[in-house]
Structure formats: structure tokens, C-alpha cells
Amino acid sequence: MDYSQIKSAAAFLQGKLSAKPAVGLILGSGLGVLADEVENEVKIPYSEIPGFPVSTVEGHAGQFVFGELNGVQVAVMQGRFHFYEGYAMDKVTFPVRVMKELGMGTLFVTNAAGGINESFSPGDLMLISDHINNMGTNPLLGPNDSQLGARFPDMSEAYSKELRKIARDVAKSINITVQEGVYVGNPGPVYETPAEIRMFRILGGDAVGMSTVPEVIVARHAGMKVLGISCISNMAAGILDQPLSHTEVIETTEKVKTTFLRYVKELVQTIGQK
């Protein structure tokens, strides 16, 4: 990753902003509605930002939204980039580098995921406690720029214990039930086979999706604290005797959006005040 490209994109965005964002959020499939809650917003399409790719997936708007969420200055990615779209890993994770360059130390990542844990139900929210990288590659491959992070970053606490405790406390305070578990990141774009889901369950996976892992690896490389939330949009292959579709993912996230919005807004406010 060329540091000059990161600085160029960050400088472009800084020129559009009157306030410095404290928290970055990446919104997954069907969850971009959260960006509509941002006040005094500045919307910047990815296509206008130097070095940015463009989101091509249904349910991903493809823009940055800057402004206030419950009184906290945020930068919201309304739509993310996926390895399966054909982007190199440095492009998938480029926005995280730019958010760090803009001064953000905390990153929220959200996604729609298939439930592997059979005690989960579609519509559940799951705090990500850890992940399994099954992407077949890593965004940190290649030469390391020490300005961006250490050559061999520690991943023993990829998802902040401190932020997860706050997230559990906030859920309890507003009477929302949340699950907690391990997210398996696959390259996609195919959904998994029933045999693969049985394998992931044996390996300790609780939910599966096609994103998040690259962004989190880069965020930790950059020294950011990460909180991850999966919306269990469907049960993974072989658990229920029915085919999987992206339409079902969007329909489920639409049903839980009120709970999701309330929860994340409370989380941003609580964490932003610390």
C-alpha cells in the first residue's frame, strides 16, 4: 500500500469536513440505513475520492457519510468493498487506512452473516469475539511500511474486549439480547456448502460471511480498536432445508433495522464519550 495514496485521499476528505470524526463505521448488506441517522451530514461518493474503488453490490450505497450520530462525530461507510468483487486486498482495506489517517482510533464493523451456531436465529445480533480467516490470503502480504504498522501485528485481541464489555452492558441497559461468537470470513461469492458449514462448526465458527476479516486485520495493524457486530440474516447451508439468497439477507436486515439502529446509536454515544 502506497502511503502517499492514503494521504492524498485523507487530505481530499479533510478539505470537505469542518469537524474531525472520532469513530469509523463500516456498514454491511442491508445495514446502510444507519447512515440516514447521521445529522449535519456531508455525503461524499466513493467515486469522487482519490484512490477509492466503487461498491458494486446491491444493498451497498457506495458513499462516505460524515456528521454527528448521537452527538459523536462519525465517518460512516455506507457500503463496503469485497474481495469477491475482484478488488485486490489493498483496495478492499484502503478505506480503513484512510480512516486511520483522518485520526479515527475506533472502528465499528457490521455485516450480514449466516448462522452456523444452531442456537442462533435469523434476526439475531452477534458481537464478534474473534474471527477465522478462510479467505485464502491476507491484506498484509507483501512489503511492510512501518509508518502503517508493525511487520508482524498481534491478533490475540482482534476485537476489543473493552468494547465488547461496553456493548454487552449497553445491550442489557436497553433490553436487547445479543449473541456472541466467532465469525468465519470466506472469499465468496458462492454461499458455503453444507459440508463446509459442518467443518466451520467443528473449527469453532458461529457465523459466516464474505467480508470484515480483511478490514479488521488492517485496522489492528494500524492500531485501531475494533468492535464487530453481525446481523444473522439466515441460517447457513444445510441447517434448514432451503436455498440461500441475497434477497433473504436484505429482507432479514430490513426486519431488524429498528433494533440495530437503536443499539448502534447507543453504542456510538457510549464509546464516543469515553
C-alpha atoms as a PDB file:
ATOM      1  CA  MET A   1       0.000   0.000   0.000  1.00  0.00           C
ATOM      2  CA  ASP A   2       1.386   3.367  -1.084  1.00  0.00           C
ATOM      3  CA  TYR A   3       1.254   5.756   1.877  1.00  0.00           C
ATOM      4  CA  SER A   4       1.074   8.746  -0.467  1.00  0.00           C
ATOM      5  CA  GLN A   5      -2.265   7.453  -1.833  1.00  0.00           C
ATOM      6  CA  ILE A   6      -3.638   7.195   1.701  1.00  0.00           C
ATOM      7  CA  LYS A   7      -2.518  10.742   2.492  1.00  0.00           C
ATOM      8  CA  SER A   8      -3.997  12.049  -0.759  1.00  0.00           C
ATOM      9  CA  ALA A   9      -7.438  10.539  -0.057  1.00  0.00           C
ATOM     10  CA  ALA A  10      -7.389  11.736   3.567  1.00  0.00           C
ATOM     11  CA  ALA A  11      -6.387  15.257   2.513  1.00  0.00           C
ATOM     12  CA  PHE A  12      -9.242  15.354  -0.013  1.00  0.00           C
ATOM     13  CA  LEU A  13     -11.744  14.350   2.684  1.00  0.00           C
ATOM     14  CA  GLN A  14     -10.314  16.761   5.276  1.00  0.00           C
ATOM     15  CA  GLY A  15     -10.913  19.557   2.803  1.00  0.00           C
ATOM     16  CA  LYS A  16     -14.628  18.711   2.813  1.00  0.00           C
ATOM     17  CA  LEU A  17     -15.050  18.420   6.586  1.00  0.00           C
ATOM     18  CA  SER A  18     -15.493  21.006   9.311  1.00  0.00           C
ATOM     19  CA  ALA A  19     -15.137  18.528  12.214  1.00  0.00           C
ATOM     20  CA  LYS A  20     -12.794  15.622  12.912  1.00  0.00           C
ATOM     21  CA  PRO A  21     -14.544  12.223  13.109  1.00  0.00           C
ATOM     22  CA  ALA A  22     -13.814  10.127  16.206  1.00  0.00           C
ATOM     23  CA  VAL A  23     -15.406   6.796  15.237  1.00  0.00           C
ATOM     24  CA  GLY A  24     -15.462   4.999  11.892  1.00  0.00           C
ATOM     25  CA  LEU A  25     -18.279   2.642  10.915  1.00  0.00           C
ATOM     26  CA  ILE A  26     -18.430   0.140   8.055  1.00  0.00           C
ATOM     27  CA  LEU A  27     -21.995  -0.937   7.256  1.00  0.00           C
ATOM     28  CA  GLY A  28     -22.766  -4.312   5.720  1.00  0.00           C
ATOM     29  CA  SER A  29     -25.501  -5.572   3.373  1.00  0.00           C
ATOM     30  CA  GLY A  30     -28.878  -4.061   4.201  1.00  0.00           C
ATOM     31  CA  LEU A  31     -27.467  -2.160   7.193  1.00  0.00           C
ATOM     32  CA  GLY A  32     -26.612   1.085   5.406  1.00  0.00           C
ATOM     33  CA  VAL A  33     -29.825   2.623   6.758  1.00  0.00           C
ATOM     34  CA  LEU A  34     -27.819   3.676   9.817  1.00  0.00           C
ATOM     35  CA  ALA A  35     -26.160   6.364   7.689  1.00  0.00           C
ATOM     36  CA  ASP A  36     -29.571   8.026   7.314  1.00  0.00           C
ATOM     37  CA  GLU A  37     -29.489   8.742  11.057  1.00  0.00           C
ATOM     38  CA  VAL A  38     -26.387  10.933  10.794  1.00  0.00           C
ATOM     39  CA  GLU A  39     -27.092  14.623  11.403  1.00  0.00           C
ATOM     40  CA  ASN A  40     -25.384  17.649   9.796  1.00  0.00           C
ATOM     41  CA  GLU A  41     -24.157  15.142   7.278  1.00  0.00           C
ATOM     42  CA  VAL A  42     -21.654  15.529   4.466  1.00  0.00           C
ATOM     43  CA  LYS A  43     -22.068  12.807   1.825  1.00  0.00           C
ATOM     44  CA  ILE A  44     -19.130  12.018  -0.438  1.00  0.00           C
ATOM     45  CA  PRO A  45     -19.476   9.307  -3.128  1.00  0.00           C
ATOM     46  CA  TYR A  46     -16.550   6.897  -3.263  1.00  0.00           C
ATOM     47  CA  SER A  47     -16.178   7.728  -6.957  1.00  0.00           C
ATOM     48  CA  GLU A  48     -15.021  11.245  -6.025  1.00  0.00           C
ATOM     49  CA  ILE A  49     -12.321  10.170  -3.549  1.00  0.00           C
ATOM     50  CA  PRO A  50      -8.796   9.704  -4.948  1.00  0.00           C
ATOM     51  CA  GLY A  51      -7.755   6.050  -4.940  1.00  0.00           C
ATOM     52  CA  PHE A  52     -11.143   4.667  -3.865  1.00  0.00           C
ATOM     53  CA  PRO A  53     -12.797   1.761  -5.657  1.00  0.00           C
ATOM     54  CA  VAL A  54     -16.585   1.781  -6.178  1.00  0.00           C
ATOM     55  CA  SER A  55     -19.035  -0.580  -4.435  1.00  0.00           C
ATOM     56  CA  THR A  56     -20.957  -2.808  -6.866  1.00  0.00           C
ATOM     57  CA  VAL A  57     -23.184  -4.878  -4.558  1.00  0.00           C
ATOM     58  CA  GLU A  58     -26.942  -4.469  -4.099  1.00  0.00           C
ATOM     59  CA  GLY A  59     -27.663  -3.066  -0.640  1.00  0.00           C
ATOM     60  CA  HIS A  60     -24.430  -1.018  -0.609  1.00  0.00           C
ATOM     61  CA  ALA A  61     -24.923   2.681  -1.409  1.00  0.00           C
ATOM     62  CA  GLY A  62     -21.268   3.462  -2.123  1.00  0.00           C
ATOM     63  CA  GLN A  63     -20.572   6.655  -0.209  1.00  0.00           C
ATOM     64  CA  PHE A  64     -18.991   8.090   2.912  1.00  0.00           C
ATOM     65  CA  VAL A  65     -21.338   9.922   5.271  1.00  0.00           C
ATOM     66  CA  PHE A  66     -19.677  12.263   7.777  1.00  0.00           C
ATOM     67  CA  GLY A  67     -21.523  14.022  10.601  1.00  0.00           C
ATOM     68  CA  GLU A  68     -22.979  13.517  14.079  1.00  0.00           C
ATOM     69  CA  LEU A  69     -24.540  10.336  15.423  1.00  0.00           C
ATOM     70  CA  ASN A  70     -25.964  10.815  18.908  1.00  0.00           C
ATOM     71  CA  GLY A  71     -23.625  13.763  19.398  1.00  0.00           C
ATOM     72  CA  VAL A  72     -20.481  11.897  18.284  1.00  0.00           C
ATOM     73  CA  GLN A  73     -18.566  12.835  15.139  1.00  0.00           C
ATOM     74  CA  VAL A  74     -18.516   9.767  12.876  1.00  0.00           C
ATOM     75  CA  ALA A  75     -17.410   8.628   9.437  1.00  0.00           C
ATOM     76  CA  VAL A  76     -19.827   6.058   8.055  1.00  0.00           C
ATOM     77  CA  MET A  77     -19.028   3.819   5.104  1.00  0.00           C
ATOM     78  CA  GLN A  78     -22.419   3.236   3.525  1.00  0.00           C
ATOM     79  CA  GLY A  79     -21.331   0.217   1.535  1.00  0.00           C
ATOM     80  CA  ARG A  80     -18.011  -1.645   1.598  1.00  0.00           C
ATOM     81  CA  PHE A  81     -15.730  -3.373  -0.879  1.00  0.00           C
ATOM     82  CA  HIS A  82     -15.415  -7.148  -1.153  1.00  0.00           C
ATOM     83  CA  PHE A  83     -12.641  -9.441  -2.289  1.00  0.00           C
ATOM     84  CA  TYR A  84     -15.183 -11.338  -4.423  1.00  0.00           C
ATOM     85  CA  GLU A  85     -15.847  -8.197  -6.495  1.00  0.00           C
ATOM     86  CA  GLY A  86     -12.374  -8.661  -7.925  1.00  0.00           C
ATOM     87  CA  TYR A  87     -10.607  -5.985  -5.883  1.00  0.00           C
ATOM     88  CA  ALA A  88      -7.125  -6.614  -4.545  1.00  0.00           C
ATOM     89  CA  MET A  89      -6.934  -6.741  -0.762  1.00  0.00           C
ATOM     90  CA  ASP A  90      -5.198  -3.371  -0.581  1.00  0.00           C
ATOM     91  CA  LYS A  91      -8.248  -1.819  -2.293  1.00  0.00           C
ATOM     92  CA  VAL A  92     -10.721  -3.679  -0.054  1.00  0.00           C
ATOM     93  CA  THR A  93      -8.983  -2.269   3.005  1.00  0.00           C
ATOM     94  CA  PHE A  94      -7.965   1.147   1.642  1.00  0.00           C
ATOM     95  CA  PRO A  95     -10.847   2.973   3.401  1.00  0.00           C
ATOM     96  CA  VAL A  96      -9.637   1.688   6.793  1.00  0.00           C
ATOM     97  CA  ARG A  97      -6.197   3.164   6.132  1.00  0.00           C
ATOM     98  CA  VAL A  98      -7.812   6.471   5.217  1.00  0.00           C
ATOM     99  CA  MET A  99      -9.981   6.495   8.366  1.00  0.00           C
ATOM    100  CA  LYS A 100      -6.884   5.926  10.479  1.00  0.00           C
ATOM    101  CA  GLU A 101      -5.089   8.741   8.633  1.00  0.00           C
ATOM    102  CA  LEU A 102      -8.068  11.001   9.429  1.00  0.00           C
ATOM    103  CA  GLY A 103      -7.420  10.327  13.124  1.00  0.00           C
ATOM    104  CA  MET A 104     -10.006   7.705  13.998  1.00  0.00           C
ATOM    105  CA  GLY A 105      -8.881   5.250  16.684  1.00  0.00           C
ATOM    106  CA  THR A 106     -12.069   3.180  16.902  1.00  0.00           C
ATOM    107  CA  LEU A 107     -13.702   1.157  14.127  1.00  0.00           C
ATOM    108  CA  PHE A 108     -17.168  -0.444  14.150  1.00  0.00           C
ATOM    109  CA  VAL A 109     -17.634  -3.148  11.521  1.00  0.00           C
ATOM    110  CA  THR A 110     -21.044  -4.617  10.775  1.00  0.00           C
ATOM    111  CA  ASN A 111     -22.099  -7.351   8.401  1.00  0.00           C
ATOM    112  CA  ALA A 112     -24.912  -9.680   7.456  1.00  0.00           C
ATOM    113  CA  ALA A 113     -23.865 -13.258   8.208  1.00  0.00           C
ATOM    114  CA  GLY A 114     -25.163 -16.803   8.012  1.00  0.00           C
ATOM    115  CA  GLY A 115     -25.718 -18.518  11.337  1.00  0.00           C
ATOM    116  CA  ILE A 116     -23.579 -21.608  11.950  1.00  0.00           C
ATOM    117  CA  ASN A 117     -24.415 -21.903  15.663  1.00  0.00           C
ATOM    118  CA  GLU A 118     -27.741 -23.747  15.718  1.00  0.00           C
ATOM    119  CA  SER A 119     -28.866 -21.858  18.825  1.00  0.00           C
ATOM    120  CA  PHE A 120     -28.969 -18.654  16.721  1.00  0.00           C
ATOM    121  CA  SER A 121     -31.999 -17.436  14.779  1.00  0.00           C
ATOM    122  CA  PRO A 122     -32.322 -15.117  11.768  1.00  0.00           C
ATOM    123  CA  GLY A 123     -32.514 -11.551  13.055  1.00  0.00           C
ATOM    124  CA  ASP A 124     -30.140 -12.111  15.990  1.00  0.00           C
ATOM    125  CA  LEU A 125     -27.310  -9.643  16.532  1.00  0.00           C
ATOM    126  CA  MET A 126     -23.932 -11.240  17.330  1.00  0.00           C
ATOM    127  CA  LEU A 127     -20.958  -9.464  18.860  1.00  0.00           C
ATOM    128  CA  ILE A 128     -17.869 -10.817  17.112  1.00  0.00           C
ATOM    129  CA  SER A 129     -15.466 -12.195  19.721  1.00  0.00           C
ATOM    130  CA  ASP A 130     -12.888 -13.443  17.205  1.00  0.00           C
ATOM    131  CA  HIS A 131     -12.582 -14.497  13.585  1.00  0.00           C
ATOM    132  CA  ILE A 132     -11.225 -17.270  11.384  1.00  0.00           C
ATOM    133  CA  ASN A 133      -9.580 -16.046   8.190  1.00  0.00           C
ATOM    134  CA  ASN A 134     -10.648 -18.501   5.487  1.00  0.00           C
ATOM    135  CA  MET A 135     -10.119 -16.003   2.655  1.00  0.00           C
ATOM    136  CA  GLY A 136      -7.042 -17.815   1.362  1.00  0.00           C
ATOM    137  CA  THR A 137      -4.976 -14.632   1.558  1.00  0.00           C
ATOM    138  CA  ASN A 138      -4.120 -11.740   3.863  1.00  0.00           C
ATOM    139  CA  PRO A 139      -4.213  -7.969   3.249  1.00  0.00           C
ATOM    140  CA  LEU A 140      -0.760  -7.559   4.828  1.00  0.00           C
ATOM    141  CA  LEU A 141       1.079  -9.778   2.327  1.00  0.00           C
ATOM    142  CA  GLY A 142       3.998  -8.055   0.644  1.00  0.00           C
ATOM    143  CA  PRO A 143       6.444  -5.384   1.810  1.00  0.00           C
ATOM    144  CA  ASN A 144       5.542  -3.710   5.115  1.00  0.00           C
ATOM    145  CA  ASP A 145       5.536   0.064   5.532  1.00  0.00           C
ATOM    146  CA  SER A 146       6.446   0.694   9.172  1.00  0.00           C
ATOM    147  CA  GLN A 147       4.574   4.023   9.001  1.00  0.00           C
ATOM    148  CA  LEU A 148       1.374   1.979   8.739  1.00  0.00           C
ATOM    149  CA  GLY A 149       2.085  -0.698  11.345  1.00  0.00           C
ATOM    150  CA  ALA A 150       4.348  -3.489  12.570  1.00  0.00           C
ATOM    151  CA  ARG A 151       5.609  -6.234  10.260  1.00  0.00           C
ATOM    152  CA  PHE A 152       4.081  -8.935  12.493  1.00  0.00           C
ATOM    153  CA  PRO A 153       0.988  -7.480  14.191  1.00  0.00           C
ATOM    154  CA  ASP A 154      -0.551  -9.215  17.201  1.00  0.00           C
ATOM    155  CA  MET A 155      -4.072 -10.569  16.591  1.00  0.00           C
ATOM    156  CA  SER A 156      -4.686 -12.077  20.035  1.00  0.00           C
ATOM    157  CA  GLU A 157      -7.322  -9.389  20.644  1.00  0.00           C
ATOM    158  CA  ALA A 158      -8.592  -8.598  17.165  1.00  0.00           C
ATOM    159  CA  TYR A 159     -11.931  -7.483  18.630  1.00  0.00           C
ATOM    160  CA  SER A 160     -11.534  -5.267  21.689  1.00  0.00           C
ATOM    161  CA  LYS A 161     -12.510  -6.923  24.979  1.00  0.00           C
ATOM    162  CA  GLU A 162     -13.145  -3.485  26.426  1.00  0.00           C
ATOM    163  CA  LEU A 163     -15.541  -2.515  23.618  1.00  0.00           C
ATOM    164  CA  ARG A 164     -17.316  -5.884  23.794  1.00  0.00           C
ATOM    165  CA  LYS A 165     -17.932  -5.416  27.511  1.00  0.00           C
ATOM    166  CA  ILE A 166     -19.383  -1.973  26.818  1.00  0.00           C
ATOM    167  CA  ALA A 167     -21.507  -3.500  24.045  1.00  0.00           C
ATOM    168  CA  ARG A 168     -22.884  -6.163  26.385  1.00  0.00           C
ATOM    169  CA  ASP A 169     -23.628  -3.554  29.056  1.00  0.00           C
ATOM    170  CA  VAL A 170     -25.373  -1.265  26.550  1.00  0.00           C
ATOM    171  CA  ALA A 171     -27.471  -4.160  25.231  1.00  0.00           C
ATOM    172  CA  LYS A 172     -28.553  -5.001  28.771  1.00  0.00           C
ATOM    173  CA  SER A 173     -29.362  -1.365  29.580  1.00  0.00           C
ATOM    174  CA  ILE A 174     -31.727  -1.037  26.605  1.00  0.00           C
ATOM    175  CA  ASN A 175     -33.123  -4.577  26.952  1.00  0.00           C
ATOM    176  CA  ILE A 176     -31.681  -6.017  23.738  1.00  0.00           C
ATOM    177  CA  THR A 177     -30.488  -9.628  23.606  1.00  0.00           C
ATOM    178  CA  VAL A 178     -27.198 -10.104  21.760  1.00  0.00           C
ATOM    179  CA  GLN A 179     -25.296 -13.266  20.936  1.00  0.00           C
ATOM    180  CA  GLU A 180     -21.507 -13.502  20.903  1.00  0.00           C
ATOM    181  CA  GLY A 181     -19.324 -15.694  18.743  1.00  0.00           C
ATOM    182  CA  VAL A 182     -16.641 -16.340  16.139  1.00  0.00           C
ATOM    183  CA  TYR A 183     -17.039 -15.040  12.591  1.00  0.00           C
ATOM    184  CA  VAL A 184     -15.647 -17.061   9.673  1.00  0.00           C
ATOM    185  CA  GLY A 185     -14.567 -14.951   6.686  1.00  0.00           C
ATOM    186  CA  ASN A 186     -14.854 -16.677   3.298  1.00  0.00           C
ATOM    187  CA  PRO A 187     -13.885 -15.187  -0.080  1.00  0.00           C
ATOM    188  CA  GLY A 188     -17.299 -15.824  -1.720  1.00  0.00           C
ATOM    189  CA  PRO A 189     -19.190 -15.080  -3.882  1.00  0.00           C
ATOM    190  CA  VAL A 190     -20.811 -18.511  -3.544  1.00  0.00           C
ATOM    191  CA  TYR A 191     -22.604 -19.429  -0.354  1.00  0.00           C
ATOM    192  CA  GLU A 192     -20.995 -22.285   1.535  1.00  0.00           C
ATOM    193  CA  THR A 193     -21.878 -25.945   1.095  1.00  0.00           C
ATOM    194  CA  PRO A 194     -23.473 -27.891   3.970  1.00  0.00           C
ATOM    195  CA  ALA A 195     -20.193 -29.843   4.320  1.00  0.00           C
ATOM    196  CA  GLU A 196     -18.212 -26.607   4.666  1.00  0.00           C
ATOM    197  CA  ILE A 197     -20.631 -25.361   7.327  1.00  0.00           C
ATOM    198  CA  ARG A 198     -20.188 -28.610   9.292  1.00  0.00           C
ATOM    199  CA  MET A 199     -16.410 -28.103   9.048  1.00  0.00           C
ATOM    200  CA  PHE A 200     -16.621 -24.491  10.273  1.00  0.00           C
ATOM    201  CA  ARG A 201     -18.767 -25.569  13.214  1.00  0.00           C
ATOM    202  CA  ILE A 202     -16.141 -28.148  14.206  1.00  0.00           C
ATOM    203  CA  LEU A 203     -13.465 -25.416  13.914  1.00  0.00           C
ATOM    204  CA  GLY A 204     -15.402 -23.177  16.302  1.00  0.00           C
ATOM    205  CA  GLY A 205     -17.251 -20.859  13.914  1.00  0.00           C
ATOM    206  CA  ASP A 206     -20.603 -19.354  14.925  1.00  0.00           C
ATOM    207  CA  ALA A 207     -21.366 -17.239  11.852  1.00  0.00           C
ATOM    208  CA  VAL A 208     -20.045 -16.971   8.321  1.00  0.00           C
ATOM    209  CA  GLY A 209     -19.770 -14.199   5.745  1.00  0.00           C
ATOM    210  CA  MET A 210     -17.745 -12.724   2.901  1.00  0.00           C
ATOM    211  CA  SER A 211     -16.305  -9.561   4.442  1.00  0.00           C
ATOM    212  CA  THR A 212     -14.987  -7.955   7.652  1.00  0.00           C
ATOM    213  CA  VAL A 213     -11.853 -10.050   8.218  1.00  0.00           C
ATOM    214  CA  PRO A 214      -9.600  -8.036   5.837  1.00  0.00           C
ATOM    215  CA  GLU A 215     -10.739  -4.690   7.279  1.00  0.00           C
ATOM    216  CA  VAL A 216     -10.214  -5.884  10.850  1.00  0.00           C
ATOM    217  CA  ILE A 217      -6.712  -7.202  10.138  1.00  0.00           C
ATOM    218  CA  VAL A 218      -5.730  -3.836   8.658  1.00  0.00           C
ATOM    219  CA  ALA A 219      -7.419  -1.891  11.467  1.00  0.00           C
ATOM    220  CA  ARG A 220      -5.434  -3.845  14.049  1.00  0.00           C
ATOM    221  CA  HIS A 221      -2.249  -3.402  12.011  1.00  0.00           C
ATOM    222  CA  ALA A 222      -2.961   0.335  12.195  1.00  0.00           C
ATOM    223  CA  GLY A 223      -3.532   0.220  15.969  1.00  0.00           C
ATOM    224  CA  MET A 224      -7.288   0.828  15.882  1.00  0.00           C
ATOM    225  CA  LYS A 225      -9.701  -0.696  18.412  1.00  0.00           C
ATOM    226  CA  VAL A 226     -12.386  -2.777  16.731  1.00  0.00           C
ATOM    227  CA  LEU A 227     -15.968  -3.680  17.614  1.00  0.00           C
ATOM    228  CA  GLY A 228     -17.735  -6.094  15.262  1.00  0.00           C
ATOM    229  CA  ILE A 229     -21.456  -6.860  15.014  1.00  0.00           C
ATOM    230  CA  SER A 230     -23.016  -9.482  12.739  1.00  0.00           C
ATOM    231  CA  CYS A 231     -26.696  -9.496  11.875  1.00  0.00           C
ATOM    232  CA  ILE A 232     -27.629 -13.162  11.492  1.00  0.00           C
ATOM    233  CA  SER A 233     -29.584 -12.813   8.261  1.00  0.00           C
ATOM    234  CA  ASN A 234     -30.202 -16.515   7.621  1.00  0.00           C
ATOM    235  CA  MET A 235     -29.125 -19.896   8.873  1.00  0.00           C
ATOM    236  CA  ALA A 236     -26.154 -21.247   6.924  1.00  0.00           C
ATOM    237  CA  ALA A 237     -26.389 -24.035   4.339  1.00  0.00           C
ATOM    238  CA  GLY A 238     -27.669 -27.414   5.487  1.00  0.00           C
ATOM    239  CA  ILE A 239     -29.192 -26.243   8.784  1.00  0.00           C
ATOM    240  CA  LEU A 240     -32.591 -25.563   7.245  1.00  0.00           C
ATOM    241  CA  ASP A 241     -33.664 -27.413   4.120  1.00  0.00           C
ATOM    242  CA  GLN A 242     -33.913 -24.352   1.880  1.00  0.00           C
ATOM    243  CA  PRO A 243     -31.768 -22.497  -0.674  1.00  0.00           C
ATOM    244  CA  LEU A 244     -29.911 -19.300   0.263  1.00  0.00           C
ATOM    245  CA  SER A 245     -30.306 -15.942  -1.485  1.00  0.00           C
ATOM    246  CA  HIS A 246     -29.135 -12.335  -1.155  1.00  0.00           C
ATOM    247  CA  THR A 247     -32.813 -11.298  -1.231  1.00  0.00           C
ATOM    248  CA  GLU A 248     -33.352 -13.142   2.058  1.00  0.00           C
ATOM    249  CA  VAL A 249     -30.338 -11.340   3.547  1.00  0.00           C
ATOM    250  CA  ILE A 250     -31.775  -7.929   2.682  1.00  0.00           C
ATOM    251  CA  GLU A 251     -35.282  -8.894   3.906  1.00  0.00           C
ATOM    252  CA  THR A 252     -33.981 -10.017   7.307  1.00  0.00           C
ATOM    253  CA  THR A 253     -31.804  -6.954   7.861  1.00  0.00           C
ATOM    254  CA  GLU A 254     -34.836  -4.804   6.995  1.00  0.00           C
ATOM    255  CA  LYS A 255     -36.852  -6.534   9.743  1.00  0.00           C
ATOM    256  CA  VAL A 256     -34.233  -5.938  12.439  1.00  0.00           C
ATOM    257  CA  LYS A 257     -33.212  -2.433  11.395  1.00  0.00           C
ATOM    258  CA  THR A 258     -35.062  -0.711  14.266  1.00  0.00           C
ATOM    259  CA  THR A 259     -33.223  -2.791  16.884  1.00  0.00           C
ATOM    260  CA  PHE A 260     -29.928  -2.467  15.010  1.00  0.00           C
ATOM    261  CA  LEU A 261     -30.243   1.323  14.719  1.00  0.00           C
ATOM    262  CA  ARG A 262     -31.116   1.787  18.374  1.00  0.00           C
ATOM    263  CA  TYR A 263     -28.269  -0.442  19.509  1.00  0.00           C
ATOM    264  CA  VAL A 264     -25.506   1.038  17.360  1.00  0.00           C
ATOM    265  CA  LYS A 265     -26.563   4.631  18.120  1.00  0.00           C
ATOM    266  CA  GLU A 266     -26.376   3.897  21.856  1.00  0.00           C
ATOM    267  CA  LEU A 267     -23.007   2.198  21.395  1.00  0.00           C
ATOM    268  CA  VAL A 268     -21.554   5.112  19.451  1.00  0.00           C
ATOM    269  CA  GLN A 269     -22.729   7.570  22.075  1.00  0.00           C
ATOM    270  CA  THR A 270     -21.350   5.499  24.975  1.00  0.00           C
ATOM    271  CA  ILE A 271     -17.996   4.750  23.351  1.00  0.00           C
ATOM    272  CA  GLY A 272     -17.644   8.234  21.852  1.00  0.00           C
ATOM    273  CA  GLN A 273     -17.924   9.794  25.299  1.00  0.00           C
ATOM    274  CA  LYS A 274     -15.074   7.716  26.767  1.00  0.00           C
END
